[in-house]
N, C-alpha and C. Protein backbone atom coordinates (compact mmCIF):
# COMPACT_ATOMS: atom_id res chain seq x y z
N UNK A 1 -61.82 -65.13 132.40
CA UNK A 1 -62.10 -66.50 131.84
C UNK A 1 -60.91 -66.25 130.50
N UNK A 2 -61.02 -66.15 129.23
CA UNK A 2 -60.14 -66.26 128.61
C UNK A 2 -59.28 -65.42 128.69
N UNK A 3 -58.71 -65.48 128.18
CA UNK A 3 -56.76 -64.84 128.52
C UNK A 3 -56.01 -64.70 127.37
N UNK A 4 -56.59 -65.50 126.07
CA UNK A 4 -56.87 -65.09 124.74
C UNK A 4 -57.68 -65.54 124.00
N UNK A 5 -57.96 -64.40 122.67
CA UNK A 5 -59.38 -64.28 122.33
C UNK A 5 -58.52 -64.56 120.33
N UNK A 6 -59.89 -64.48 119.81
CA UNK A 6 -59.87 -63.93 119.19
C UNK A 6 -61.55 -64.09 118.39
N UNK A 7 -61.64 -62.66 117.10
CA UNK A 7 -62.71 -62.83 117.25
C UNK A 7 -62.92 -62.58 116.08
N UNK A 8 -63.99 -63.07 115.67
CA UNK A 8 -64.45 -63.52 114.08
C UNK A 8 -65.01 -62.06 113.59
N UNK A 9 -64.80 -61.99 112.45
CA UNK A 9 -66.22 -61.25 112.70
C UNK A 9 -66.25 -61.31 110.49
N UNK A 10 -67.49 -61.73 110.83
CA UNK A 10 -69.00 -61.34 108.95
C UNK A 10 -69.76 -61.17 108.67
N UNK A 11 -70.13 -60.57 107.97
CA UNK A 11 -71.38 -60.10 108.15
C UNK A 11 -72.52 -60.83 107.40
N UNK A 12 -72.44 -61.37 106.65
CA UNK A 12 -73.77 -62.81 106.36
C UNK A 12 -74.04 -62.79 107.63
N UNK A 13 -73.07 -63.53 108.94
CA UNK A 13 -73.37 -63.81 110.06
C UNK A 13 -73.85 -62.98 110.83
N UNK A 14 -72.96 -62.01 110.98
CA UNK A 14 -73.44 -60.49 111.72
C UNK A 14 -75.72 -60.06 111.13
N UNK A 15 -75.19 -60.56 109.66
CA UNK A 15 -77.33 -60.28 109.66
C UNK A 15 -77.61 -60.82 109.97
N UNK A 16 -77.78 -62.13 110.10
CA UNK A 16 -78.11 -63.44 110.43
C UNK A 16 -78.88 -62.64 112.23
N UNK A 17 -77.52 -62.69 112.43
CA UNK A 17 -77.75 -62.58 114.13
C UNK A 17 -78.99 -61.36 114.34
N UNK A 18 -78.90 -60.69 113.66
CA UNK A 18 -79.32 -59.31 114.07
C UNK A 18 -81.00 -60.11 113.59
N UNK A 19 -80.76 -60.55 112.56
CA UNK A 19 -82.30 -60.18 112.14
C UNK A 19 -83.26 -62.22 113.31
N UNK A 20 -82.50 -62.98 113.90
CA UNK A 20 -82.69 -63.78 114.70
C UNK A 20 -83.31 -62.89 116.06
N UNK A 21 -82.05 -61.96 116.34
CA UNK A 21 -83.08 -61.11 117.14
C UNK A 21 -83.86 -60.27 117.59
N UNK A 22 -84.44 -59.44 116.22
CA UNK A 22 -85.48 -58.78 116.12
C UNK A 22 -86.79 -60.47 116.52
N UNK A 23 -86.58 -61.45 115.92
CA UNK A 23 -88.01 -62.48 115.46
C UNK A 23 -87.64 -62.95 116.58
N UNK A 24 -86.61 -62.98 117.76
CA UNK A 24 -87.22 -63.56 119.09
C UNK A 24 -86.83 -63.05 119.94
N UNK A 25 -85.39 -61.84 120.24
CA UNK A 25 -85.37 -61.67 121.70
C UNK A 25 -84.00 -62.51 122.08
N UNK A 26 -83.78 -63.52 121.70
CA UNK A 26 -82.48 -64.27 122.56
C UNK A 26 -81.89 -64.55 121.40
N UNK A 27 -80.71 -64.52 122.05
CA UNK A 27 -79.14 -65.50 120.86
C UNK A 27 -78.55 -65.91 121.69
N UNK A 28 -79.35 -66.42 123.35
CA UNK A 28 -78.36 -67.45 123.21
C UNK A 28 -77.95 -68.77 123.10
N UNK A 29 -79.36 -69.58 122.77
CA UNK A 29 -79.56 -71.15 122.10
C UNK A 29 -78.84 -70.50 120.17
N UNK A 30 -78.33 -69.99 119.49
CA UNK A 30 -77.94 -70.14 118.37
C UNK A 30 -76.57 -69.63 119.18
N UNK A 31 -76.27 -68.52 120.05
CA UNK A 31 -74.60 -68.28 119.85
C UNK A 31 -74.11 -69.72 120.41
N UNK A 32 -75.02 -70.76 121.49
CA UNK A 32 -74.39 -72.28 121.89
C UNK A 32 -73.96 -72.78 121.01
N UNK A 33 -75.60 -73.10 120.04
CA UNK A 33 -74.78 -74.14 119.01
C UNK A 33 -73.49 -73.68 118.08
N UNK A 34 -73.77 -72.02 117.98
CA UNK A 34 -72.48 -71.57 116.49
C UNK A 34 -70.76 -71.76 117.77
N UNK A 35 -70.40 -71.79 119.65
CA UNK A 35 -69.71 -71.30 119.94
C UNK A 35 -69.21 -73.06 119.64
N UNK A 36 -70.48 -74.09 119.83
CA UNK A 36 -70.08 -75.57 119.85
C UNK A 36 -69.57 -75.91 118.56
N UNK A 37 -69.98 -75.52 117.17
CA UNK A 37 -69.19 -75.54 115.87
C UNK A 37 -68.34 -75.09 116.54
N UNK A 38 -67.15 -73.56 116.44
CA UNK A 38 -66.34 -72.91 116.54
C UNK A 38 -64.90 -74.08 117.79
N UNK A 39 -65.92 -74.73 118.60
CA UNK A 39 -65.14 -75.15 119.53
C UNK A 39 -64.66 -76.48 118.90
N UNK A 40 -65.36 -77.16 117.86
CA UNK A 40 -65.21 -79.01 117.54
C UNK A 40 -64.01 -78.13 116.25
N UNK A 41 -64.00 -76.95 115.60
CA UNK A 41 -62.78 -77.04 114.76
C UNK A 41 -61.94 -76.92 115.72
N UNK A 42 -61.27 -76.32 116.32
CA UNK A 42 -60.07 -75.46 117.25
C UNK A 42 -59.33 -77.17 117.29
N UNK A 43 -60.67 -78.18 118.24
CA UNK A 43 -59.86 -79.20 118.29
C UNK A 43 -59.96 -80.17 117.73
N UNK A 44 -60.52 -79.65 116.31
CA UNK A 44 -59.71 -80.76 115.44
C UNK A 44 -58.59 -80.22 115.08
N UNK A 45 -58.30 -79.14 115.26
CA UNK A 45 -56.74 -78.19 114.81
C UNK A 45 -56.11 -78.78 115.71
N UNK A 46 -56.57 -79.52 116.45
CA UNK A 46 -55.21 -80.13 117.17
C UNK A 46 -55.13 -82.02 117.26
N UNK A 47 -56.19 -81.88 116.57
CA UNK A 47 -56.23 -83.65 116.97
C UNK A 47 -55.24 -83.75 115.14
N UNK A 48 -55.72 -82.94 114.59
CA UNK A 48 -54.66 -83.22 112.81
C UNK A 48 -53.75 -82.71 113.01
N UNK A 49 -52.22 -81.80 114.40
CA UNK A 49 -51.76 -81.13 113.69
C UNK A 49 -51.45 -79.61 113.29
N UNK A 50 -52.70 -78.78 113.38
CA UNK A 50 -53.21 -77.38 112.53
C UNK A 50 -53.56 -77.65 111.10
N UNK A 51 -53.76 -76.83 110.50
CA UNK A 51 -55.30 -76.84 109.14
C UNK A 51 -55.01 -75.61 108.84
N UNK A 52 -53.56 -75.14 107.98
CA UNK A 52 -53.11 -75.71 107.60
C UNK A 52 -51.92 -76.33 108.61
N UNK A 53 -51.45 -77.38 107.97
CA UNK A 53 -50.04 -78.26 109.07
C UNK A 53 -49.52 -76.99 109.62
N UNK A 54 -49.18 -77.10 111.01
CA UNK A 54 -48.04 -76.44 111.51
C UNK A 54 -47.34 -76.92 111.62
N UNK A 55 -45.81 -76.12 111.73
CA UNK A 55 -44.39 -76.50 111.50
C UNK A 55 -43.92 -77.51 112.82
N UNK A 56 -43.20 -78.87 111.98
CA UNK A 56 -42.42 -79.11 113.68
C UNK A 56 -41.96 -78.57 114.51
N UNK A 57 -41.77 -79.05 115.72
CA UNK A 57 -40.49 -78.24 116.34
C UNK A 57 -39.27 -78.22 116.51
N UNK A 58 -38.50 -77.29 117.03
CA UNK A 58 -37.20 -76.81 116.14
C UNK A 58 -36.78 -78.35 116.82
N UNK A 59 -34.89 -78.61 116.71
CA UNK A 59 -34.11 -79.31 117.35
C UNK A 59 -33.69 -78.88 119.12
N UNK A 60 -33.86 -77.65 118.73
CA UNK A 60 -33.56 -76.95 120.34
C UNK A 60 -35.31 -77.34 121.05
N UNK A 61 -36.23 -77.31 121.06
CA UNK A 61 -37.17 -78.16 121.25
C UNK A 61 -37.53 -79.41 121.19
N UNK A 62 -36.75 -80.66 120.66
CA UNK A 62 -37.15 -81.67 120.34
C UNK A 62 -36.59 -82.08 121.07
N UNK A 63 -35.51 -81.23 121.97
CA UNK A 63 -34.10 -82.03 122.77
C UNK A 63 -33.74 -81.28 123.82
N UNK A 64 -34.93 -80.13 124.32
CA UNK A 64 -34.85 -79.89 125.82
C UNK A 64 -35.67 -81.03 126.48
N UNK A 65 -35.89 -80.29 127.94
CA UNK A 65 -36.72 -81.61 129.07
C UNK A 65 -38.54 -81.90 128.62
N UNK A 66 -38.92 -80.74 127.82
CA UNK A 66 -40.13 -81.52 127.75
C UNK A 66 -40.59 -81.40 126.45
N UNK A 67 -39.82 -81.36 125.33
CA UNK A 67 -39.63 -82.41 124.02
C UNK A 67 -39.25 -83.84 124.72
N UNK A 68 -37.93 -84.27 125.14
CA UNK A 68 -37.91 -85.25 125.24
C UNK A 68 -38.66 -86.18 126.17
N UNK A 69 -39.82 -85.21 127.52
CA UNK A 69 -40.77 -86.23 128.19
C UNK A 69 -41.96 -85.70 126.55
N UNK A 70 -42.03 -85.51 126.27
CA UNK A 70 -43.46 -86.22 124.68
C UNK A 70 -42.48 -86.89 124.51
N UNK A 71 -42.42 -86.92 123.68
CA UNK A 71 -41.25 -88.77 123.60
C UNK A 71 -41.35 -89.73 124.03
N UNK A 72 -40.95 -88.81 125.47
CA UNK A 72 -40.92 -90.54 126.19
C UNK A 72 -42.45 -91.00 126.52
N UNK A 73 -43.44 -89.68 126.69
CA UNK A 73 -44.76 -90.50 126.70
C UNK A 73 -45.26 -91.40 126.22
N UNK A 74 -45.04 -90.77 124.00
CA UNK A 74 -45.60 -90.75 123.66
C UNK A 74 -44.90 -91.37 122.16
N UNK A 75 -43.88 -91.28 122.63
CA UNK A 75 -42.88 -92.10 121.45
C UNK A 75 -42.80 -91.19 119.86
N UNK A 76 -43.11 -89.34 120.27
CA UNK A 76 -43.27 -88.84 119.75
C UNK A 76 -43.41 -87.45 120.09
N UNK A 77 -42.52 -86.98 119.50
CA UNK A 77 -42.97 -85.30 120.23
C UNK A 77 -44.01 -84.08 119.14
N UNK A 78 -45.55 -84.36 120.02
CA UNK A 78 -46.57 -83.88 119.30
C UNK A 78 -46.26 -82.31 119.80
N UNK A 79 -46.67 -81.46 118.49
CA UNK A 79 -46.84 -79.51 118.76
C UNK A 79 -47.84 -79.46 119.80
N UNK A 80 -47.52 -79.02 120.42
CA UNK A 80 -48.43 -77.80 121.06
C UNK A 80 -49.77 -79.26 122.13
N UNK A 81 -48.67 -80.24 122.49
CA UNK A 81 -49.82 -81.36 122.97
C UNK A 81 -49.27 -81.67 124.07
N UNK A 82 -47.79 -81.80 124.39
CA UNK A 82 -47.21 -82.52 125.98
C UNK A 82 -47.48 -81.85 126.75
N UNK A 83 -47.72 -80.49 127.00
CA UNK A 83 -48.18 -79.62 127.99
C UNK A 83 -49.44 -79.28 127.46
N UNK A 84 -49.84 -79.43 126.63
CA UNK A 84 -51.77 -79.68 126.93
C UNK A 84 -52.04 -78.32 127.16
N UNK A 85 -50.85 -76.74 127.27
CA UNK A 85 -51.70 -75.97 127.58
C UNK A 85 -52.90 -75.72 126.87
N UNK A 86 -52.99 -75.88 125.46
CA UNK A 86 -53.76 -75.04 125.02
C UNK A 86 -55.48 -75.59 123.99
N UNK A 87 -55.18 -77.16 124.40
CA UNK A 87 -56.28 -77.58 124.24
C UNK A 87 -57.11 -77.35 124.89
N UNK A 88 -57.31 -77.30 126.02
CA UNK A 88 -58.29 -76.60 127.42
C UNK A 88 -59.29 -75.44 126.52
N UNK A 89 -60.00 -75.26 125.48
CA UNK A 89 -60.03 -73.96 124.73
C UNK A 89 -61.83 -73.86 125.71
N UNK A 90 -61.98 -73.19 125.74
CA UNK A 90 -63.44 -72.82 126.19
C UNK A 90 -64.72 -72.13 125.39
N UNK A 91 -65.79 -72.06 126.24
CA UNK A 91 -67.08 -71.41 125.50
C UNK A 91 -67.43 -70.76 126.57
N UNK A 92 -67.04 -69.73 126.21
CA UNK A 92 -68.27 -68.47 127.32
C UNK A 92 -69.61 -68.29 125.71
N UNK A 93 -70.65 -68.28 126.63
CA UNK A 93 -71.60 -67.20 125.75
C UNK A 93 -72.72 -65.83 126.22
N UNK A 94 -72.15 -65.29 126.12
CA UNK A 94 -72.89 -63.60 126.96
C UNK A 94 -74.23 -63.64 126.03
N UNK A 95 -75.38 -62.97 125.72
CA UNK A 95 -76.12 -62.01 125.41
C UNK A 95 -76.60 -62.08 123.82
N UNK A 96 -75.09 -61.57 123.15
CA UNK A 96 -74.29 -61.53 122.01
C UNK A 96 -73.70 -61.95 121.53
N UNK A 97 -72.55 -62.61 122.34
CA UNK A 97 -71.67 -62.69 121.82
C UNK A 97 -71.12 -64.56 122.39
N UNK A 98 -70.25 -65.84 121.11
CA UNK A 98 -70.16 -66.36 121.41
C UNK A 98 -68.46 -66.11 122.21
N UNK A 99 -67.69 -67.18 122.40
CA UNK A 99 -66.59 -66.39 123.05
C UNK A 99 -64.85 -67.48 123.54
N UNK A 100 -64.50 -68.10 122.99
CA UNK A 100 -63.28 -69.01 122.65
C UNK A 100 -62.61 -68.90 122.90
N UNK A 101 -61.31 -69.38 124.56
CA UNK A 101 -60.80 -68.75 124.66
C UNK A 101 -59.29 -69.52 125.40
N UNK A 102 -59.01 -69.21 125.70
CA UNK A 102 -57.63 -70.35 126.45
C UNK A 102 -57.49 -69.60 128.36
N UNK A 103 -57.65 -70.72 128.97
CA UNK A 103 -56.59 -69.94 130.42
C UNK A 103 -56.43 -68.07 130.57
N UNK A 104 -56.89 -68.00 131.48
CA UNK A 104 -55.39 -66.73 131.50
C UNK A 104 -54.63 -67.03 131.86
N UNK A 105 -53.90 -67.84 132.39
CA UNK A 105 -52.46 -67.99 132.81
C UNK A 105 -51.68 -68.80 131.49
N UNK A 106 -52.46 -68.37 130.27
CA UNK A 106 -52.01 -69.17 129.73
C UNK A 106 -51.30 -67.84 127.96
N UNK A 107 -52.13 -66.92 128.09
CA UNK A 107 -52.42 -66.08 127.16
C UNK A 107 -51.12 -65.98 126.35
N UNK A 108 -49.67 -65.54 126.67
CA UNK A 108 -48.52 -65.32 126.76
C UNK A 108 -47.87 -65.90 125.58
N UNK A 109 -48.20 -67.55 126.38
CA UNK A 109 -47.82 -69.02 125.13
C UNK A 109 -48.79 -68.58 123.91
N UNK A 110 -49.99 -68.92 124.32
CA UNK A 110 -51.38 -68.73 123.38
C UNK A 110 -50.57 -67.83 122.26
N UNK A 111 -50.75 -66.77 122.65
CA UNK A 111 -50.22 -65.21 121.14
C UNK A 111 -49.18 -66.76 120.88
N UNK A 112 -48.18 -66.64 121.15
CA UNK A 112 -46.95 -66.79 120.96
C UNK A 112 -47.16 -67.78 119.95
N UNK A 113 -47.63 -69.08 120.59
CA UNK A 113 -48.27 -69.83 119.24
C UNK A 113 -49.38 -70.11 117.72
N UNK A 114 -49.63 -68.90 118.28
CA UNK A 114 -50.88 -68.80 117.46
C UNK A 114 -50.13 -67.89 116.20
N UNK A 115 -49.23 -66.87 116.96
CA UNK A 115 -49.29 -65.48 115.64
C UNK A 115 -46.92 -66.29 115.59
N UNK A 116 -46.51 -66.82 116.24
CA UNK A 116 -44.93 -67.24 115.63
C UNK A 116 -45.02 -65.47 116.36
N UNK A 117 -43.22 -66.33 117.57
CA UNK A 117 -42.12 -65.46 117.79
C UNK A 117 -41.02 -64.97 117.33
N UNK A 118 -40.83 -63.99 117.31
CA UNK A 118 -39.08 -64.00 117.03
C UNK A 118 -37.21 -64.54 117.59
N UNK A 119 -37.91 -64.42 118.49
CA UNK A 119 -36.78 -64.87 119.37
C UNK A 119 -36.44 -64.32 120.54
N UNK A 120 -35.47 -64.04 121.54
CA UNK A 120 -35.53 -63.26 121.85
C UNK A 120 -36.09 -64.20 124.03
N UNK A 121 -35.46 -62.77 124.65
CA UNK A 121 -35.37 -63.74 126.29
C UNK A 121 -34.57 -64.14 126.29
N UNK A 122 -34.78 -64.87 128.13
CA UNK A 122 -33.21 -65.41 128.51
C UNK A 122 -33.06 -67.15 127.60
N UNK A 123 -34.78 -67.56 127.83
CA UNK A 123 -34.75 -69.44 127.82
C UNK A 123 -33.78 -69.52 126.25
N UNK A 124 -33.01 -70.41 125.94
CA UNK A 124 -31.78 -71.84 125.56
C UNK A 124 -31.88 -69.72 124.30
N UNK A 125 -30.90 -69.03 125.27
CA UNK A 125 -30.22 -68.38 124.91
C UNK A 125 -30.69 -67.08 124.09
N UNK A 126 -31.72 -67.17 124.14
CA UNK A 126 -32.84 -66.01 123.42
C UNK A 126 -32.52 -66.29 121.89
N UNK A 127 -32.11 -67.60 121.64
CA UNK A 127 -32.28 -68.26 119.72
C UNK A 127 -33.40 -68.40 119.65
N UNK A 128 -34.27 -68.99 119.97
CA UNK A 128 -35.36 -70.22 119.76
C UNK A 128 -36.56 -69.49 119.20
N UNK A 129 -37.09 -69.23 118.05
CA UNK A 129 -37.79 -68.55 116.98
C UNK A 129 -39.11 -69.49 117.03
N UNK A 130 -40.24 -69.21 117.74
CA UNK A 130 -41.58 -69.63 117.35
C UNK A 130 -42.33 -69.37 116.23
N UNK A 131 -42.73 -70.58 115.40
CA UNK A 131 -43.15 -70.31 114.13
C UNK A 131 -45.36 -70.28 114.83
N UNK A 132 -45.74 -69.20 113.63
CA UNK A 132 -47.13 -69.73 114.69
C UNK A 132 -47.01 -70.97 114.51
N UNK A 133 -48.30 -71.01 114.50
CA UNK A 133 -48.90 -72.09 114.82
C UNK A 133 -50.83 -71.90 115.05
N UNK A 134 -50.97 -71.07 114.25
CA UNK A 134 -52.83 -70.69 114.29
C UNK A 134 -53.46 -72.72 115.20
N UNK A 135 -54.03 -72.57 116.17
CA UNK A 135 -54.52 -73.03 116.69
C UNK A 135 -56.38 -72.89 117.08
N UNK A 136 -56.68 -71.29 117.11
CA UNK A 136 -57.45 -70.97 117.09
C UNK A 136 -58.24 -69.77 115.52
N UNK A 137 -58.03 -71.72 114.59
CA UNK A 137 -58.95 -70.53 113.27
C UNK A 137 -59.72 -71.85 112.85
N UNK A 138 -61.19 -70.52 112.23
CA UNK A 138 -61.51 -71.26 111.75
C UNK A 138 -61.70 -71.40 110.36
N UNK A 139 -62.66 -72.69 109.46
CA UNK A 139 -62.30 -72.94 108.46
C UNK A 139 -63.50 -72.65 107.96
N UNK A 140 -63.04 -72.16 106.00
CA UNK A 140 -64.52 -72.45 105.74
C UNK A 140 -65.40 -72.81 105.33
N UNK A 141 -65.26 -74.70 106.16
CA UNK A 141 -66.76 -74.99 106.21
C UNK A 141 -67.52 -75.08 107.87
N UNK A 142 -66.62 -74.20 108.56
CA UNK A 142 -67.30 -74.06 109.77
C UNK A 142 -68.24 -73.00 109.67
N UNK A 143 -67.44 -71.94 108.80
CA UNK A 143 -68.61 -71.02 108.72
C UNK A 143 -69.88 -71.48 108.33
N UNK A 144 -69.33 -72.09 106.66
CA UNK A 144 -70.94 -72.52 105.98
C UNK A 144 -71.65 -73.31 107.17
N UNK A 145 -71.17 -74.04 108.11
CA UNK A 145 -71.78 -74.66 109.47
C UNK A 145 -72.99 -73.84 110.39
N UNK A 146 -71.92 -72.38 110.16
CA UNK A 146 -72.37 -71.62 111.18
C UNK A 146 -73.32 -70.72 110.70
N UNK A 147 -73.32 -70.72 109.28
CA UNK A 147 -74.36 -69.98 108.62
C UNK A 147 -75.65 -71.25 108.22
N UNK A 148 -75.75 -72.47 108.25
CA UNK A 148 -76.86 -73.28 109.23
C UNK A 148 -78.18 -73.65 109.46
N UNK A 149 -76.44 -73.27 110.92
CA UNK A 149 -77.34 -73.07 112.50
C UNK A 149 -78.14 -72.07 112.02
N UNK A 150 -78.01 -70.97 111.70
CA UNK A 150 -78.08 -69.17 111.83
C UNK A 150 -79.98 -70.00 111.12
N UNK A 151 -79.60 -69.73 109.89
CA UNK A 151 -80.37 -70.27 109.10
C UNK A 151 -82.17 -71.42 109.71
N UNK A 152 -81.16 -72.12 110.10
CA UNK A 152 -82.06 -73.51 111.39
C UNK A 152 -83.20 -72.28 111.99
N UNK A 153 -82.64 -71.59 112.81
CA UNK A 153 -82.69 -71.06 114.04
C UNK A 153 -83.60 -70.19 113.69
N UNK A 154 -83.03 -69.24 112.27
CA UNK A 154 -84.84 -68.24 111.87
C UNK A 154 -85.24 -69.04 111.04
N UNK A 155 -85.17 -70.27 110.56
CA UNK A 155 -86.45 -70.83 110.52
C UNK A 155 -87.70 -71.20 111.39
N UNK A 156 -87.04 -71.62 112.92
CA UNK A 156 -87.71 -72.29 113.62
C UNK A 156 -88.23 -71.12 114.33
N UNK A 157 -87.46 -69.79 114.21
CA UNK A 157 -88.54 -68.87 115.03
C UNK A 157 -90.17 -68.16 114.10
N UNK A 158 -88.97 -68.32 113.13
CA UNK A 158 -90.36 -68.03 112.37
C UNK A 158 -91.58 -68.65 111.85
N UNK A 159 -91.82 -69.85 112.29
CA UNK A 159 -92.95 -70.77 112.19
C UNK A 159 -93.62 -71.09 113.04
N UNK A 160 -92.47 -70.67 114.09
CA UNK A 160 -93.13 -70.43 115.86
C UNK A 160 -94.51 -69.47 115.59
């Protein structure tokens, strides 16, 4: 499923998950809820052009066939939107994880956009560098929302 993944490790979230697992033995409902919060956040990153804002396309990319295609389609070249490879973030929930990922065939492209690329290779004479445009990025408010979801599930479990 996931060709590219970012792992979020948070002690407060882990502690609440352990508490909920001890109370219910089933983390699937809360992981689905938390995963939806994460998915919404990542999709919003695309809608607003990054949080923080992504750097604009280089002149080389903007003037390339793919950049010109974006200009013809929408009147401008939206960053990471023309091909749309990374917008289809998927959520997979297992018994103990909520995993956001991209399609396996996009893993190299996803990593290049997430972390940046120093250039090299055959394309455009190896001169095109890609700035980091982190799209798999959660915001502080997402953490708070996930903690609230966990607290609600714990409260519901304790009242049953």
